[in-house]
Amino acid sequence: MTPWVLLDTAQVPGNGGKLNLYQRGDEFSIKIVGRGELMNSRVHGSEEALAEHTCARLVGCSNPRLLIGGLGMGFTLAAALRHAGEQAQVVVAELVPEVVEWNRGVLGESAAHPLEDPRVIVHEKDVARIIKGEQQAYDAILLDVDNGPEGLTRKKNNWLYSIGGLNAAYAALRPQGVLAVWSAGPAPEFLQRLRKVGFEVDEMRVRAHGSKGVRHIIWFARRVV
């Protein structure tokens, strides 16, 4: 079997641990040192579903503005570009600068180089900072940050899923806007928080890899006013 080769490492700001980027043939893996694999270039069905089903909910929005929290390997961004329309603008917030570099370089081909699309704006900062500073600025906010509501790489990510973070996301959305949240597994208390803030919520279970693999969770929370 072809061995994994370590290509690069990156420190997650805020004592979030260290990321290692590996390659084996045409397969890539990002792992958190001491905690296992965070993402793999061959397993991205649920990340694509996050964007596809969000865009499907933006009915009647001809030039949507989307915010994606977490670039990852670029698959959510690539799917958003395919489904959001030619007049869309997609803002990406990625906390780890090396992850952006990897997507502009060795990882780019896996997702068909979405960062080269002129509809994309990249901010190398915490998505929470963007959400806090915006009012009715986005038609959709897609959060593929960490492992979902229970942070794996960074405890500060927990704010995004708190009542305070969800209120900020509600305020940053335009009326009828959608907050879409990816998670590795169920989180009943998070679902309750979404509804407490005032969102109308749908929960979807999707496969990690097409019709195969483990099931991940996506919540689609609509701002109704």
C-alpha atoms as a PDB file:
ATOM      1  CA  MET A   1       0.000   0.000   0.000  1.00  0.00           C
ATOM      2  CA  THR A   2       1.205   3.498  -0.824  1.00  0.00           C
ATOM      3  CA  PRO A   3       2.274   5.237   2.389  1.00  0.00           C
ATOM      4  CA  TRP A   4       0.992   8.597   3.552  1.00  0.00           C
ATOM      5  CA  VAL A   5       3.427  11.474   3.071  1.00  0.00           C
ATOM      6  CA  LEU A   6       3.358  14.497   5.383  1.00  0.00           C
ATOM      7  CA  LEU A   7       3.240  17.635   3.203  1.00  0.00           C
ATOM      8  CA  ASP A   8       2.845  20.450   5.711  1.00  0.00           C
ATOM      9  CA  THR A   9       1.716  21.417   9.193  1.00  0.00           C
ATOM     10  CA  ALA A  10      -0.271  24.358  10.539  1.00  0.00           C
ATOM     11  CA  GLN A  11      -1.062  25.697  13.977  1.00  0.00           C
ATOM     12  CA  VAL A  12      -4.709  26.483  14.679  1.00  0.00           C
ATOM     13  CA  PRO A  13      -4.847  29.938  16.328  1.00  0.00           C
ATOM     14  CA  GLY A  14      -5.990  30.103  19.913  1.00  0.00           C
ATOM     15  CA  ASN A  15      -4.328  26.920  21.140  1.00  0.00           C
ATOM     16  CA  GLY A  16      -6.482  24.847  18.814  1.00  0.00           C
ATOM     17  CA  GLY A  17      -3.835  22.249  18.173  1.00  0.00           C
ATOM     18  CA  LYS A  18      -1.843  21.391  15.077  1.00  0.00           C
ATOM     19  CA  LEU A  19      -3.075  20.315  11.654  1.00  0.00           C
ATOM     20  CA  ASN A  20      -1.103  17.940   9.454  1.00  0.00           C
ATOM     21  CA  LEU A  21      -1.686  17.710   5.701  1.00  0.00           C
ATOM     22  CA  TYR A  22      -0.951  14.276   4.211  1.00  0.00           C
ATOM     23  CA  GLN A  23      -0.968  12.878   0.677  1.00  0.00           C
ATOM     24  CA  ARG A  24      -1.213   9.299  -0.581  1.00  0.00           C
ATOM     25  CA  GLY A  25      -1.349   9.125  -4.366  1.00  0.00           C
ATOM     26  CA  ASP A  26      -4.202  11.427  -5.362  1.00  0.00           C
ATOM     27  CA  GLU A  27      -5.806  11.291  -1.902  1.00  0.00           C
ATOM     28  CA  PHE A  28      -5.352  13.978   0.742  1.00  0.00           C
ATOM     29  CA  SER A  29      -6.056  13.983   4.448  1.00  0.00           C
ATOM     30  CA  ILE A  30      -6.011  16.694   7.107  1.00  0.00           C
ATOM     31  CA  LYS A  31      -5.528  15.361  10.618  1.00  0.00           C
ATOM     32  CA  ILE A  32      -5.492  16.972  14.032  1.00  0.00           C
ATOM     33  CA  VAL A  33      -2.401  15.849  15.867  1.00  0.00           C
ATOM     34  CA  GLY A  34      -3.419  13.481  18.634  1.00  0.00           C
ATOM     35  CA  ARG A  35      -7.114  13.420  17.672  1.00  0.00           C
ATOM     36  CA  GLY A  36      -7.354  11.788  14.250  1.00  0.00           C
ATOM     37  CA  GLU A  37      -8.614  12.689  10.798  1.00  0.00           C
ATOM     38  CA  LEU A  38     -10.600  15.884  10.339  1.00  0.00           C
ATOM     39  CA  MET A  39     -11.291  15.581   6.598  1.00  0.00           C
ATOM     40  CA  ASN A  40     -10.402  13.489   3.554  1.00  0.00           C
ATOM     41  CA  SER A  41     -10.538  14.358  -0.134  1.00  0.00           C
ATOM     42  CA  ARG A  42     -12.421  11.142  -0.934  1.00  0.00           C
ATOM     43  CA  VAL A  43     -15.193  11.710   1.605  1.00  0.00           C
ATOM     44  CA  HIS A  44     -17.070  14.927   0.940  1.00  0.00           C
ATOM     45  CA  GLY A  45     -20.660  14.067   0.035  1.00  0.00           C
ATOM     46  CA  SER A  46     -22.160  15.749   3.090  1.00  0.00           C
ATOM     47  CA  GLU A  47     -20.056  18.897   2.586  1.00  0.00           C
ATOM     48  CA  GLU A  48     -21.414  19.214  -0.951  1.00  0.00           C
ATOM     49  CA  ALA A  49     -24.947  18.540   0.300  1.00  0.00           C
ATOM     50  CA  LEU A  50     -24.557  21.412   2.768  1.00  0.00           C
ATOM     51  CA  ALA A  51     -24.178  23.874  -0.105  1.00  0.00           C
ATOM     52  CA  GLU A  52     -26.538  22.242  -2.589  1.00  0.00           C
ATOM     53  CA  HIS A  53     -29.504  22.066  -0.222  1.00  0.00           C
ATOM     54  CA  THR A  54     -28.854  25.540   1.135  1.00  0.00           C
ATOM     55  CA  CYS A  55     -28.930  27.040  -2.351  1.00  0.00           C
ATOM     56  CA  ALA A  56     -32.110  25.106  -3.152  1.00  0.00           C
ATOM     57  CA  ARG A  57     -33.768  26.947  -0.264  1.00  0.00           C
ATOM     58  CA  LEU A  58     -32.909  30.399  -1.648  1.00  0.00           C
ATOM     59  CA  VAL A  59     -36.000  30.522  -3.816  1.00  0.00           C
ATOM     60  CA  GLY A  60     -36.431  33.753  -5.780  1.00  0.00           C
ATOM     61  CA  CYS A  61     -32.985  35.071  -4.835  1.00  0.00           C
ATOM     62  CA  SER A  62     -31.270  35.860  -8.151  1.00  0.00           C
ATOM     63  CA  ASN A  63     -28.023  37.295  -6.784  1.00  0.00           C
ATOM     64  CA  PRO A  64     -27.503  35.676  -3.381  1.00  0.00           C
ATOM     65  CA  ARG A  65     -24.698  36.589  -1.012  1.00  0.00           C
ATOM     66  CA  LEU A  66     -23.363  33.645   0.946  1.00  0.00           C
ATOM     67  CA  LEU A  67     -20.944  33.368   3.853  1.00  0.00           C
ATOM     68  CA  ILE A  68     -19.088  30.079   4.341  1.00  0.00           C
ATOM     69  CA  GLY A  69     -17.365  29.501   7.655  1.00  0.00           C
ATOM     70  CA  GLY A  70     -14.517  27.063   7.143  1.00  0.00           C
ATOM     71  CA  LEU A  71     -12.795  26.433   3.804  1.00  0.00           C
ATOM     72  CA  GLY A  72     -11.705  22.878   4.548  1.00  0.00           C
ATOM     73  CA  MET A  73     -10.727  21.193   1.287  1.00  0.00           C
ATOM     74  CA  GLY A  74     -12.939  23.475  -0.779  1.00  0.00           C
ATOM     75  CA  PHE A  75     -15.787  21.064  -1.519  1.00  0.00           C
ATOM     76  CA  THR A  76     -18.521  23.116   0.172  1.00  0.00           C
ATOM     77  CA  LEU A  77     -17.334  26.228  -1.661  1.00  0.00           C
ATOM     78  CA  ALA A  78     -17.196  24.416  -5.013  1.00  0.00           C
ATOM     79  CA  ALA A  79     -20.742  23.124  -4.564  1.00  0.00           C
ATOM     80  CA  ALA A  80     -21.993  26.583  -3.589  1.00  0.00           C
ATOM     81  CA  LEU A  81     -20.523  28.026  -6.769  1.00  0.00           C
ATOM     82  CA  ARG A  82     -22.243  25.344  -8.855  1.00  0.00           C
ATOM     83  CA  HIS A  83     -25.668  25.959  -7.349  1.00  0.00           C
ATOM     84  CA  ALA A  84     -25.807  29.630  -6.297  1.00  0.00           C
ATOM     85  CA  GLY A  85     -25.901  31.141  -9.790  1.00  0.00           C
ATOM     86  CA  GLU A  86     -23.629  33.339 -11.874  1.00  0.00           C
ATOM     87  CA  GLN A  87     -24.552  36.528  -9.988  1.00  0.00           C
ATOM     88  CA  ALA A  88     -23.793  35.136  -6.551  1.00  0.00           C
ATOM     89  CA  GLN A  89     -21.080  36.353  -4.225  1.00  0.00           C
ATOM     90  CA  VAL A  90     -19.509  33.846  -1.849  1.00  0.00           C
ATOM     91  CA  VAL A  91     -17.494  35.071   1.117  1.00  0.00           C
ATOM     92  CA  VAL A  92     -15.247  32.474   2.758  1.00  0.00           C
ATOM     93  CA  ALA A  93     -13.848  32.863   6.266  1.00  0.00           C
ATOM     94  CA  GLU A  94     -10.896  30.589   7.071  1.00  0.00           C
ATOM     95  CA  LEU A  95      -9.031  30.979  10.329  1.00  0.00           C
ATOM     96  CA  VAL A  96      -5.888  29.043   9.368  1.00  0.00           C
ATOM     97  CA  PRO A  97      -3.863  30.807   6.636  1.00  0.00           C
ATOM     98  CA  GLU A  98      -2.096  27.586   5.645  1.00  0.00           C
ATOM     99  CA  VAL A  99      -5.439  25.984   4.778  1.00  0.00           C
ATOM    100  CA  VAL A 100      -5.995  28.768   2.239  1.00  0.00           C
ATOM    101  CA  GLU A 101      -2.490  28.188   0.859  1.00  0.00           C
ATOM    102  CA  TRP A 102      -3.122  24.455   0.561  1.00  0.00           C
ATOM    103  CA  ASN A 103      -6.337  25.104  -1.384  1.00  0.00           C
ATOM    104  CA  ARG A 104      -4.560  27.484  -3.724  1.00  0.00           C
ATOM    105  CA  GLY A 105      -1.859  24.868  -4.217  1.00  0.00           C
ATOM    106  CA  VAL A 106      -1.781  21.110  -3.801  1.00  0.00           C
ATOM    107  CA  LEU A 107      -5.426  20.688  -2.726  1.00  0.00           C
ATOM    108  CA  GLY A 108      -6.874  22.886  -5.456  1.00  0.00           C
ATOM    109  CA  GLU A 109      -7.354  20.238  -8.117  1.00  0.00           C
ATOM    110  CA  SER A 110      -9.434  17.979  -5.850  1.00  0.00           C
ATOM    111  CA  ALA A 111     -12.298  20.509  -5.759  1.00  0.00           C
ATOM    112  CA  ALA A 112     -11.602  22.024  -9.214  1.00  0.00           C
ATOM    113  CA  HIS A 113      -9.869  25.170  -7.900  1.00  0.00           C
ATOM    114  CA  PRO A 114     -12.886  27.055  -6.491  1.00  0.00           C
ATOM    115  CA  LEU A 115     -10.717  29.849  -5.067  1.00  0.00           C
ATOM    116  CA  GLU A 116      -9.954  30.944  -8.635  1.00  0.00           C
ATOM    117  CA  ASP A 117     -13.615  31.823  -9.241  1.00  0.00           C
ATOM    118  CA  PRO A 118     -14.129  35.631  -9.362  1.00  0.00           C
ATOM    119  CA  ARG A 119     -17.324  35.295  -7.317  1.00  0.00           C
ATOM    120  CA  VAL A 120     -15.249  34.300  -4.274  1.00  0.00           C
ATOM    121  CA  ILE A 121     -13.874  36.593  -1.559  1.00  0.00           C
ATOM    122  CA  VAL A 122     -11.592  35.052   1.074  1.00  0.00           C
ATOM    123  CA  HIS A 123     -11.024  36.456   4.553  1.00  0.00           C
ATOM    124  CA  GLU A 124      -8.350  34.847   6.692  1.00  0.00           C
ATOM    125  CA  LYS A 125     -10.152  35.405   9.966  1.00  0.00           C
ATOM    126  CA  ASP A 126     -12.569  33.798  12.382  1.00  0.00           C
ATOM    127  CA  VAL A 127     -16.049  33.589  10.862  1.00  0.00           C
ATOM    128  CA  ALA A 128     -17.421  34.703  14.248  1.00  0.00           C
ATOM    129  CA  ARG A 129     -15.821  38.131  13.743  1.00  0.00           C
ATOM    130  CA  ILE A 130     -17.611  38.535  10.420  1.00  0.00           C
ATOM    131  CA  ILE A 131     -20.961  37.418  11.793  1.00  0.00           C
ATOM    132  CA  LYS A 132     -20.700  39.774  14.774  1.00  0.00           C
ATOM    133  CA  GLY A 133     -20.017  42.753  12.504  1.00  0.00           C
ATOM    134  CA  GLU A 134     -22.832  42.269   9.981  1.00  0.00           C
ATOM    135  CA  GLN A 135     -26.531  43.154   9.936  1.00  0.00           C
ATOM    136  CA  GLN A 136     -28.844  41.619   7.313  1.00  0.00           C
ATOM    137  CA  ALA A 137     -25.854  41.106   5.005  1.00  0.00           C
ATOM    138  CA  TYR A 138     -26.269  37.509   3.824  1.00  0.00           C
ATOM    139  CA  ASP A 139     -28.907  35.325   2.228  1.00  0.00           C
ATOM    140  CA  ALA A 140     -27.197  32.262   3.639  1.00  0.00           C
ATOM    141  CA  ILE A 141     -24.554  31.434   6.212  1.00  0.00           C
ATOM    142  CA  LEU A 142     -22.997  27.983   5.943  1.00  0.00           C
ATOM    143  CA  LEU A 143     -21.026  26.738   8.931  1.00  0.00           C
ATOM    144  CA  ASP A 144     -18.667  23.830   8.331  1.00  0.00           C
ATOM    145  CA  VAL A 145     -16.512  24.769  11.292  1.00  0.00           C
ATOM    146  CA  ASP A 146     -14.798  22.183  13.445  1.00  0.00           C
ATOM    147  CA  ASN A 147     -16.839  19.000  14.002  1.00  0.00           C
ATOM    148  CA  GLY A 148     -20.171  20.715  14.494  1.00  0.00           C
ATOM    149  CA  PRO A 149     -21.763  22.097  17.681  1.00  0.00           C
ATOM    150  CA  GLU A 150     -19.283  20.226  19.838  1.00  0.00           C
ATOM    151  CA  GLY A 151     -15.934  21.784  18.914  1.00  0.00           C
ATOM    152  CA  LEU A 152     -13.006  19.479  18.248  1.00  0.00           C
ATOM    153  CA  THR A 153     -10.138  21.763  17.305  1.00  0.00           C
ATOM    154  CA  ARG A 154     -10.952  24.979  19.117  1.00  0.00           C
ATOM    155  CA  LYS A 155     -13.087  25.709  22.182  1.00  0.00           C
ATOM    156  CA  LYS A 156     -13.721  29.260  20.966  1.00  0.00           C
ATOM    157  CA  ASN A 157     -15.799  27.749  18.141  1.00  0.00           C
ATOM    158  CA  ASN A 158     -18.429  26.878  20.751  1.00  0.00           C
ATOM    159  CA  TRP A 159     -19.605  30.504  20.708  1.00  0.00           C
ATOM    160  CA  LEU A 160     -20.946  30.033  17.180  1.00  0.00           C
ATOM    161  CA  TYR A 161     -23.367  27.416  18.448  1.00  0.00           C
ATOM    162  CA  SER A 162     -24.382  29.233  21.635  1.00  0.00           C
ATOM    163  CA  ILE A 163     -27.495  31.380  22.050  1.00  0.00           C
ATOM    164  CA  GLY A 164     -25.306  34.459  21.595  1.00  0.00           C
ATOM    165  CA  GLY A 165     -23.741  33.140  18.403  1.00  0.00           C
ATOM    166  CA  LEU A 166     -27.069  32.050  16.949  1.00  0.00           C
ATOM    167  CA  ASN A 167     -28.615  35.449  17.731  1.00  0.00           C
ATOM    168  CA  ALA A 168     -25.712  37.091  15.903  1.00  0.00           C
ATOM    169  CA  ALA A 169     -26.188  34.790  12.919  1.00  0.00           C
ATOM    170  CA  TYR A 170     -29.920  35.564  12.899  1.00  0.00           C
ATOM    171  CA  ALA A 171     -29.110  39.285  12.799  1.00  0.00           C
ATOM    172  CA  ALA A 172     -26.540  38.830  10.017  1.00  0.00           C
ATOM    173  CA  LEU A 173     -29.092  37.117   7.770  1.00  0.00           C
ATOM    174  CA  ARG A 174     -31.547  38.897   5.533  1.00  0.00           C
ATOM    175  CA  PRO A 175     -35.258  38.076   5.981  1.00  0.00           C
ATOM    176  CA  GLN A 176     -35.912  34.506   4.822  1.00  0.00           C
ATOM    177  CA  GLY A 177     -32.174  33.867   4.944  1.00  0.00           C
ATOM    178  CA  VAL A 178     -30.834  30.432   5.841  1.00  0.00           C
ATOM    179  CA  LEU A 179     -28.289  29.368   8.435  1.00  0.00           C
ATOM    180  CA  ALA A 180     -26.964  25.911   7.479  1.00  0.00           C
ATOM    181  CA  VAL A 181     -24.862  23.993   9.978  1.00  0.00           C
ATOM    182  CA  TRP A 182     -22.899  20.790   9.311  1.00  0.00           C
ATOM    183  CA  SER A 183     -22.254  18.321  12.115  1.00  0.00           C
ATOM    184  CA  ALA A 184     -20.554  14.959  12.411  1.00  0.00           C
ATOM    185  CA  GLY A 185     -23.419  13.729  14.594  1.00  0.00           C
ATOM    186  CA  PRO A 186     -26.713  14.556  16.317  1.00  0.00           C
ATOM    187  CA  ALA A 187     -26.997  17.396  18.831  1.00  0.00           C
ATOM    188  CA  PRO A 188     -30.569  17.654  20.205  1.00  0.00           C
ATOM    189  CA  GLU A 189     -29.733  20.560  22.509  1.00  0.00           C
ATOM    190  CA  PHE A 190     -28.394  22.572  19.568  1.00  0.00           C
ATOM    191  CA  LEU A 191     -31.623  21.981  17.654  1.00  0.00           C
ATOM    192  CA  GLN A 192     -33.528  23.365  20.631  1.00  0.00           C
ATOM    193  CA  ARG A 193     -31.293  26.445  20.738  1.00  0.00           C
ATOM    194  CA  LEU A 194     -31.945  27.153  17.059  1.00  0.00           C
ATOM    195  CA  ARG A 195     -35.675  27.147  17.666  1.00  0.00           C
ATOM    196  CA  LYS A 196     -35.354  29.214  20.836  1.00  0.00           C
ATOM    197  CA  VAL A 197     -33.609  31.969  18.860  1.00  0.00           C
ATOM    198  CA  GLY A 198     -36.536  32.047  16.429  1.00  0.00           C
ATOM    199  CA  PHE A 199     -35.372  29.964  13.477  1.00  0.00           C
ATOM    200  CA  GLU A 200     -37.630  27.567  11.597  1.00  0.00           C
ATOM    201  CA  VAL A 201     -35.502  24.417  11.390  1.00  0.00           C
ATOM    202  CA  ASP A 202     -35.233  21.361   9.152  1.00  0.00           C
ATOM    203  CA  GLU A 203     -32.822  18.558  10.059  1.00  0.00           C
ATOM    204  CA  MET A 204     -31.313  16.400   7.321  1.00  0.00           C
ATOM    205  CA  ARG A 205     -29.176  13.280   7.562  1.00  0.00           C
ATOM    206  CA  VAL A 206     -26.781  12.798   4.674  1.00  0.00           C
ATOM    207  CA  ARG A 207     -24.149  10.246   3.784  1.00  0.00           C
ATOM    208  CA  ALA A 208     -20.509  11.218   4.023  1.00  0.00           C
ATOM    209  CA  HIS A 209     -19.771   9.682   0.615  1.00  0.00           C
ATOM    210  CA  GLY A 210     -22.650   9.554  -1.854  1.00  0.00           C
ATOM    211  CA  SER A 211     -24.919   6.657  -0.857  1.00  0.00           C
ATOM    212  CA  LYS A 212     -22.241   5.182   1.404  1.00  0.00           C
ATOM    213  CA  GLY A 213     -20.421   6.035   4.585  1.00  0.00           C
ATOM    214  CA  VAL A 214     -21.520   7.334   7.944  1.00  0.00           C
ATOM    215  CA  ARG A 215     -24.436   9.708   8.230  1.00  0.00           C
ATOM    216  CA  HIS A 216     -23.773  13.338   9.052  1.00  0.00           C
ATOM    217  CA  ILE A 217     -26.296  15.946  10.160  1.00  0.00           C
ATOM    218  CA  ILE A 218     -27.177  19.267   8.527  1.00  0.00           C
ATOM    219  CA  TRP A 219     -29.561  21.772  10.073  1.00  0.00           C
ATOM    220  CA  PHE A 220     -31.234  24.344   7.819  1.00  0.00           C
ATOM    221  CA  ALA A 221     -32.520  27.205   9.951  1.00  0.00           C
ATOM    222  CA  ARG A 222     -34.546  29.939   8.266  1.00  0.00           C
ATOM    223  CA  ARG A 223     -34.912  33.504   9.544  1.00  0.00           C
ATOM    224  CA  VAL A 224     -38.624  34.088   9.065  1.00  0.00           C
ATOM    225  CA  VAL A 225     -38.727  37.876   9.525  1.00  0.00           C
END
